[in-house]
Full PDB file with SEQRES, HELIX, SHEET, SSBOND, CRYST1, ORIGX, SCALE, CONECT and MASTER records, all heavy atoms in Angstrom:
SEQRES   1 A   29  LEU GLY LYS PRO PRO VAL ALA SER GLY THR LEU GLU PRO          
SEQRES   2 A   29  TRP ALA SER GLY LEU CYS ALA LEU ALA ALA LEU PRO ASN          
SEQRES   3 A   29  THR VAL ALA                                                  
HELIX    1 AA1 VAL A    6  SER A    8  5                                   3    
HELIX    2 AA2 TRP A   14  ALA A   22  1                                   9    
CRYST1    1.000    1.000    1.000  90.00  90.00  90.00 P 1           1          
ORIGX1      1.000000  0.000000  0.000000        0.00000                         
ORIGX2      0.000000  1.000000  0.000000        0.00000                         
ORIGX3      0.000000  0.000000  1.000000        0.00000                         
SCALE1      1.000000  0.000000  0.000000        0.00000                         
SCALE2      0.000000  1.000000  0.000000        0.00000                         
SCALE3      0.000000  0.000000  1.000000        0.00000                         
ATOM      1  N   LEU A   1     -41.722 -28.596 -23.269  1.00  0.00           N  
ATOM      2  CA  LEU A   1     -43.011 -28.909 -22.626  1.00  0.00           C  
ATOM      3  C   LEU A   1     -42.971 -30.226 -21.848  1.00  0.00           C  
ATOM      4  O   LEU A   1     -43.998 -30.876 -21.643  1.00  0.00           O  
ATOM      5  CB  LEU A   1     -44.151 -28.959 -23.653  1.00  0.00           C  
ATOM      6  CG  LEU A   1     -44.477 -27.667 -24.392  1.00  0.00           C  
ATOM      7  CD1 LEU A   1     -45.730 -27.866 -25.256  1.00  0.00           C  
ATOM      8  CD2 LEU A   1     -44.684 -26.503 -23.431  1.00  0.00           C  
ATOM      9  N   GLY A   2     -41.785 -30.631 -21.418  1.00  0.00           N  
ATOM     10  CA  GLY A   2     -41.698 -31.879 -20.662  1.00  0.00           C  
ATOM     11  C   GLY A   2     -41.805 -33.117 -21.528  1.00  0.00           C  
ATOM     12  O   GLY A   2     -42.136 -34.200 -21.035  1.00  0.00           O  
ATOM     13  N   LYS A   3     -41.529 -32.973 -22.824  1.00  0.00           N  
ATOM     14  CA  LYS A   3     -41.480 -34.099 -23.762  1.00  0.00           C  
ATOM     15  C   LYS A   3     -42.762 -34.945 -23.762  1.00  0.00           C  
ATOM     16  O   LYS A   3     -42.743 -36.136 -23.398  1.00  0.00           O  
ATOM     17  CB  LYS A   3     -40.247 -34.965 -23.491  1.00  0.00           C  
ATOM     18  CG  LYS A   3     -38.938 -34.194 -23.668  1.00  0.00           C  
ATOM     19  CD  LYS A   3     -37.758 -35.101 -23.872  1.00  0.00           C  
ATOM     20  CE  LYS A   3     -36.551 -34.312 -24.371  1.00  0.00           C  
ATOM     21  NZ  LYS A   3     -35.416 -35.166 -24.719  1.00  0.00           N  
ATOM     22  N   PRO A   4     -43.872 -34.349 -24.167  1.00  0.00           N  
ATOM     23  CA  PRO A   4     -45.138 -35.104 -24.198  1.00  0.00           C  
ATOM     24  C   PRO A   4     -45.094 -36.233 -25.222  1.00  0.00           C  
ATOM     25  O   PRO A   4     -44.335 -36.175 -26.201  1.00  0.00           O  
ATOM     26  CB  PRO A   4     -46.157 -34.039 -24.609  1.00  0.00           C  
ATOM     27  CG  PRO A   4     -45.367 -33.017 -25.366  1.00  0.00           C  
ATOM     28  CD  PRO A   4     -44.026 -32.977 -24.681  1.00  0.00           C  
ATOM     29  N   PRO A   5     -45.929 -37.259 -25.034  1.00  0.00           N  
ATOM     30  CA  PRO A   5     -45.910 -38.431 -25.925  1.00  0.00           C  
ATOM     31  C   PRO A   5     -46.689 -38.187 -27.217  1.00  0.00           C  
ATOM     32  O   PRO A   5     -47.721 -38.804 -27.467  1.00  0.00           O  
ATOM     33  CB  PRO A   5     -46.562 -39.514 -25.067  1.00  0.00           C  
ATOM     34  CG  PRO A   5     -47.525 -38.761 -24.201  1.00  0.00           C  
ATOM     35  CD  PRO A   5     -46.862 -37.442 -23.900  1.00  0.00           C  
ATOM     36  N   VAL A   6     -46.180 -37.290 -28.042  1.00  0.00           N  
ATOM     37  CA  VAL A   6     -46.897 -36.889 -29.253  1.00  0.00           C  
ATOM     38  C   VAL A   6     -47.117 -38.070 -30.187  1.00  0.00           C  
ATOM     39  O   VAL A   6     -48.196 -38.223 -30.777  1.00  0.00           O  
ATOM     40  CB  VAL A   6     -46.138 -35.763 -29.982  1.00  0.00           C  
ATOM     41  CG1 VAL A   6     -46.899 -35.333 -31.239  1.00  0.00           C  
ATOM     42  CG2 VAL A   6     -45.917 -34.562 -29.065  1.00  0.00           C  
ATOM     43  N   ALA A   7     -46.117 -38.919 -30.344  1.00  0.00           N  
ATOM     44  CA  ALA A   7     -46.228 -40.031 -31.292  1.00  0.00           C  
ATOM     45  C   ALA A   7     -47.376 -40.966 -30.949  1.00  0.00           C  
ATOM     46  O   ALA A   7     -48.010 -41.541 -31.843  1.00  0.00           O  
ATOM     47  CB  ALA A   7     -44.910 -40.807 -31.350  1.00  0.00           C  
ATOM     48  N   SER A   8     -47.673 -41.112 -29.662  1.00  0.00           N  
ATOM     49  CA  SER A   8     -48.749 -42.005 -29.253  1.00  0.00           C  
ATOM     50  C   SER A   8     -50.112 -41.330 -29.296  1.00  0.00           C  
ATOM     51  O   SER A   8     -51.145 -42.007 -29.261  1.00  0.00           O  
ATOM     52  CB  SER A   8     -48.491 -42.520 -27.837  1.00  0.00           C  
ATOM     53  OG  SER A   8     -48.669 -41.474 -26.886  1.00  0.00           O  
ATOM     54  N   GLY A   9     -50.116 -39.992 -29.325  1.00  0.00           N  
ATOM     55  CA  GLY A   9     -51.380 -39.270 -29.346  1.00  0.00           C  
ATOM     56  C   GLY A   9     -52.081 -39.174 -28.008  1.00  0.00           C  
ATOM     57  O   GLY A   9     -53.206 -38.672 -27.928  1.00  0.00           O  
ATOM     58  N   THR A  10     -51.445 -39.625 -26.933  1.00  0.00           N  
ATOM     59  CA  THR A  10     -52.070 -39.580 -25.614  1.00  0.00           C  
ATOM     60  C   THR A  10     -51.664 -38.297 -24.886  1.00  0.00           C  
ATOM     61  O   THR A  10     -50.584 -37.746 -25.120  1.00  0.00           O  
ATOM     62  CB  THR A  10     -51.667 -40.790 -24.765  1.00  0.00           C  
ATOM     63  OG1 THR A  10     -50.233 -40.826 -24.662  1.00  0.00           O  
ATOM     64  CG2 THR A  10     -52.155 -42.079 -25.412  1.00  0.00           C  
ATOM     65  N   LEU A  11     -52.537 -37.846 -23.989  1.00  0.00           N  
ATOM     66  CA  LEU A  11     -52.264 -36.635 -23.224  1.00  0.00           C  
ATOM     67  C   LEU A  11     -51.903 -36.908 -21.766  1.00  0.00           C  
ATOM     68  O   LEU A  11     -51.076 -36.204 -21.176  1.00  0.00           O  
ATOM     69  CB  LEU A  11     -53.481 -35.702 -23.266  1.00  0.00           C  
ATOM     70  CG  LEU A  11     -53.780 -35.015 -24.601  1.00  0.00           C  
ATOM     71  CD1 LEU A  11     -55.101 -34.267 -24.530  1.00  0.00           C  
ATOM     72  CD2 LEU A  11     -52.654 -34.063 -24.976  1.00  0.00           C  
ATOM     73  N   GLU A  12     -52.528 -37.897 -21.182  1.00  0.00           N  
ATOM     74  CA  GLU A  12     -52.293 -38.183 -19.764  1.00  0.00           C  
ATOM     75  C   GLU A  12     -51.285 -39.319 -19.568  1.00  0.00           C  
ATOM     76  O   GLU A  12     -51.207 -40.220 -20.405  1.00  0.00           O  
ATOM     77  CB  GLU A  12     -53.619 -38.544 -19.088  1.00  0.00           C  
ATOM     78  CG  GLU A  12     -54.620 -37.412 -19.030  1.00  0.00           C  
ATOM     79  CD  GLU A  12     -54.166 -36.246 -18.177  1.00  0.00           C  
ATOM     80  OE1 GLU A  12     -53.180 -36.375 -17.401  1.00  0.00           O  
ATOM     81  OE2 GLU A  12     -54.776 -35.177 -18.280  1.00  0.00           O  
ATOM     82  N   PRO A  13     -50.502 -39.251 -18.486  1.00  0.00           N  
ATOM     83  CA  PRO A  13     -50.559 -38.283 -17.381  1.00  0.00           C  
ATOM     84  C   PRO A  13     -49.750 -37.009 -17.608  1.00  0.00           C  
ATOM     85  O   PRO A  13     -49.655 -36.179 -16.704  1.00  0.00           O  
ATOM     86  CB  PRO A  13     -49.987 -39.080 -16.214  1.00  0.00           C  
ATOM     87  CG  PRO A  13     -48.978 -39.981 -16.869  1.00  0.00           C  
ATOM     88  CD  PRO A  13     -49.570 -40.360 -18.203  1.00  0.00           C  
ATOM     89  N   TRP A  14     -49.181 -36.865 -18.806  1.00  0.00           N  
ATOM     90  CA  TRP A  14     -48.361 -35.676 -19.076  1.00  0.00           C  
ATOM     91  C   TRP A  14     -49.120 -34.383 -18.816  1.00  0.00           C  
ATOM     92  O   TRP A  14     -48.605 -33.471 -18.148  1.00  0.00           O  
ATOM     93  CB  TRP A  14     -47.873 -35.701 -20.533  1.00  0.00           C  
ATOM     94  CG  TRP A  14     -47.364 -34.372 -20.997  1.00  0.00           C  
ATOM     95  CD1 TRP A  14     -46.120 -33.845 -20.774  1.00  0.00           C  
ATOM     96  CD2 TRP A  14     -48.097 -33.365 -21.715  1.00  0.00           C  
ATOM     97  NE1 TRP A  14     -46.032 -32.584 -21.314  1.00  0.00           N  
ATOM     98  CE2 TRP A  14     -47.233 -32.271 -21.893  1.00  0.00           C  
ATOM     99  CE3 TRP A  14     -49.395 -33.297 -22.234  1.00  0.00           C  
ATOM    100  CZ2 TRP A  14     -47.634 -31.114 -22.577  1.00  0.00           C  
ATOM    101  CZ3 TRP A  14     -49.805 -32.149 -22.894  1.00  0.00           C  
ATOM    102  CH2 TRP A  14     -48.924 -31.068 -23.069  1.00  0.00           C  
ATOM    103  N   ALA A  15     -50.352 -34.275 -19.314  1.00  0.00           N  
ATOM    104  CA  ALA A  15     -51.092 -33.018 -19.212  1.00  0.00           C  
ATOM    105  C   ALA A  15     -51.325 -32.623 -17.756  1.00  0.00           C  
ATOM    106  O   ALA A  15     -51.180 -31.450 -17.383  1.00  0.00           O  
ATOM    107  CB  ALA A  15     -52.412 -33.116 -19.959  1.00  0.00           C  
ATOM    108  N   SER A  16     -51.680 -33.587 -16.924  1.00  0.00           N  
ATOM    109  CA  SER A  16     -51.913 -33.283 -15.509  1.00  0.00           C  
ATOM    110  C   SER A  16     -50.639 -32.805 -14.833  1.00  0.00           C  
ATOM    111  O   SER A  16     -50.652 -31.864 -14.029  1.00  0.00           O  
ATOM    112  CB  SER A  16     -52.460 -34.509 -14.789  1.00  0.00           C  
ATOM    113  OG  SER A  16     -53.745 -34.847 -15.275  1.00  0.00           O  
ATOM    114  N   GLY A  17     -49.520 -33.441 -15.172  1.00  0.00           N  
ATOM    115  CA  GLY A  17     -48.240 -33.022 -14.608  1.00  0.00           C  
ATOM    116  C   GLY A  17     -47.853 -31.629 -15.046  1.00  0.00           C  
ATOM    117  O   GLY A  17     -47.366 -30.822 -14.243  1.00  0.00           O  
ATOM    118  N   LEU A  18     -48.062 -31.341 -16.323  1.00  0.00           N  
ATOM    119  CA  LEU A  18     -47.749 -30.012 -16.839  1.00  0.00           C  
ATOM    120  C   LEU A  18     -48.605 -28.952 -16.161  1.00  0.00           C  
ATOM    121  O   LEU A  18     -48.107 -27.889 -15.756  1.00  0.00           O  
ATOM    122  CB  LEU A  18     -47.976 -29.974 -18.352  1.00  0.00           C  
ATOM    123  CG  LEU A  18     -47.631 -28.620 -18.984  1.00  0.00           C  
ATOM    124  CD1 LEU A  18     -46.231 -28.662 -19.566  1.00  0.00           C  
ATOM    125  CD2 LEU A  18     -48.621 -28.221 -20.055  1.00  0.00           C  
ATOM    126  N   CYS A  19     -49.887 -29.205 -16.021  1.00  0.00           N  
ATOM    127  CA  CYS A  19     -50.788 -28.231 -15.421  1.00  0.00           C  
ATOM    128  C   CYS A  19     -50.455 -27.992 -13.950  1.00  0.00           C  
ATOM    129  O   CYS A  19     -50.552 -26.857 -13.459  1.00  0.00           O  
ATOM    130  CB  CYS A  19     -52.237 -28.677 -15.571  1.00  0.00           C  
ATOM    131  SG  CYS A  19     -52.837 -28.624 -17.284  1.00  0.00           S  
ATOM    132  N   ALA A  20     -50.050 -29.041 -13.254  1.00  0.00           N  
ATOM    133  CA  ALA A  20     -49.646 -28.879 -11.856  1.00  0.00           C  
ATOM    134  C   ALA A  20     -48.413 -27.989 -11.751  1.00  0.00           C  
ATOM    135  O   ALA A  20     -48.308 -27.154 -10.837  1.00  0.00           O  
ATOM    136  CB  ALA A  20     -49.387 -30.241 -11.228  1.00  0.00           C  
ATOM    137  N   LEU A  21     -47.478 -28.150 -12.673  1.00  0.00           N  
ATOM    138  CA  LEU A  21     -46.283 -27.302 -12.678  1.00  0.00           C  
ATOM    139  C   LEU A  21     -46.661 -25.863 -13.011  1.00  0.00           C  
ATOM    140  O   LEU A  21     -46.190 -24.913 -12.377  1.00  0.00           O  
ATOM    141  CB  LEU A  21     -45.266 -27.833 -13.679  1.00  0.00           C  
ATOM    142  CG  LEU A  21     -43.904 -27.127 -13.688  1.00  0.00           C  
ATOM    143  CD1 LEU A  21     -43.155 -27.371 -12.371  1.00  0.00           C  
ATOM    144  CD2 LEU A  21     -43.057 -27.591 -14.870  1.00  0.00           C  
ATOM    145  N   ALA A  22     -47.518 -25.690 -14.006  1.00  0.00           N  
ATOM    146  CA  ALA A  22     -47.916 -24.347 -14.443  1.00  0.00           C  
ATOM    147  C   ALA A  22     -48.687 -23.600 -13.368  1.00  0.00           C  
ATOM    148  O   ALA A  22     -48.739 -22.369 -13.388  1.00  0.00           O  
ATOM    149  CB  ALA A  22     -48.747 -24.444 -15.713  1.00  0.00           C  
ATOM    150  N   ALA A  23     -49.283 -24.329 -12.434  1.00  0.00           N  
ATOM    151  CA  ALA A  23     -50.035 -23.672 -11.357  1.00  0.00           C  
ATOM    152  C   ALA A  23     -49.129 -22.890 -10.419  1.00  0.00           C  
ATOM    153  O   ALA A  23     -49.613 -22.040  -9.660  1.00  0.00           O  
ATOM    154  CB  ALA A  23     -50.824 -24.714 -10.571  1.00  0.00           C  
ATOM    155  N   LEU A  24     -47.826 -23.146 -10.466  1.00  0.00           N  
ATOM    156  CA  LEU A  24     -46.869 -22.432  -9.633  1.00  0.00           C  
ATOM    157  C   LEU A  24     -46.364 -21.198 -10.384  1.00  0.00           C  
ATOM    158  O   LEU A  24     -45.982 -21.294 -11.555  1.00  0.00           O  
ATOM    159  CB  LEU A  24     -45.697 -23.341  -9.279  1.00  0.00           C  
ATOM    160  CG  LEU A  24     -46.079 -24.595  -8.478  1.00  0.00           C  
ATOM    161  CD1 LEU A  24     -44.903 -25.548  -8.396  1.00  0.00           C  
ATOM    162  CD2 LEU A  24     -46.557 -24.206  -7.085  1.00  0.00           C  
ATOM    163  N   PRO A  25     -46.337 -20.040  -9.744  1.00  0.00           N  
ATOM    164  CA  PRO A  25     -46.015 -18.795 -10.460  1.00  0.00           C  
ATOM    165  C   PRO A  25     -44.566 -18.679 -10.896  1.00  0.00           C  
ATOM    166  O   PRO A  25     -44.257 -17.855 -11.766  1.00  0.00           O  
ATOM    167  CB  PRO A  25     -46.363 -17.706  -9.441  1.00  0.00           C  
ATOM    168  CG  PRO A  25     -46.249 -18.385  -8.107  1.00  0.00           C  
ATOM    169  CD  PRO A  25     -46.700 -19.795  -8.337  1.00  0.00           C  
ATOM    170  N   ASN A  26     -43.680 -19.482 -10.332  1.00  0.00           N  
ATOM    171  CA  ASN A  26     -42.255 -19.397 -10.678  1.00  0.00           C  
ATOM    172  C   ASN A  26     -41.866 -20.393 -11.761  1.00  0.00           C  
ATOM    173  O   ASN A  26     -40.716 -20.837 -11.825  1.00  0.00           O  
ATOM    174  CB  ASN A  26     -41.383 -19.610  -9.434  1.00  0.00           C  
ATOM    175  CG  ASN A  26     -41.625 -20.953  -8.745  1.00  0.00           C  
ATOM    176  OD1 ASN A  26     -42.757 -21.410  -8.661  1.00  0.00           O  
ATOM    177  ND2 ASN A  26     -40.567 -21.568  -8.234  1.00  0.00           N  
ATOM    178  N   THR A  27     -42.810 -20.733 -12.640  1.00  0.00           N  
ATOM    179  CA  THR A  27     -42.528 -21.667 -13.726  1.00  0.00           C  
ATOM    180  C   THR A  27     -42.918 -21.068 -15.070  1.00  0.00           C  
ATOM    181  O   THR A  27     -43.902 -20.336 -15.174  1.00  0.00           O  
ATOM    182  CB  THR A  27     -43.280 -22.997 -13.541  1.00  0.00           C  
ATOM    183  OG1 THR A  27     -44.698 -22.755 -13.591  1.00  0.00           O  
ATOM    184  CG2 THR A  27     -42.921 -23.646 -12.209  1.00  0.00           C  
ATOM    185  N   VAL A  28     -42.130 -21.393 -16.082  1.00  0.00           N  
ATOM    186  CA  VAL A  28     -42.428 -21.039 -17.469  1.00  0.00           C  
ATOM    187  C   VAL A  28     -42.061 -22.250 -18.320  1.00  0.00           C  
ATOM    188  O   VAL A  28     -41.498 -23.219 -17.828  1.00  0.00           O  
ATOM    189  CB  VAL A  28     -41.649 -19.789 -17.931  1.00  0.00           C  
ATOM    190  CG1 VAL A  28     -42.044 -18.568 -17.122  1.00  0.00           C  
ATOM    191  CG2 VAL A  28     -40.148 -20.012 -17.831  1.00  0.00           C  
ATOM    192  N   ALA A  29     -42.389 -22.202 -19.608  1.00  0.00           N  
ATOM    193  CA  ALA A  29     -42.130 -23.362 -20.469  1.00  0.00           C  
ATOM    194  C   ALA A  29     -41.757 -22.923 -21.875  1.00  0.00           C  
ATOM    195  O   ALA A  29     -42.081 -21.811 -22.310  1.00  0.00           O  
ATOM    196  CB  ALA A  29     -43.348 -24.282 -20.504  1.00  0.00           C  
TER     197      ALA A  29                                                      
MASTER        0    0    0    2    0    0    0    6  196    1    0    3          
END                                                                             
């Protein structure tokens, strides 16, 4: 999942980056 910062408990900017990637049909995770 693009190595989100789980230890810190924060979502951004990881979440926005992930969602932008997922918006493209040729991507999976």
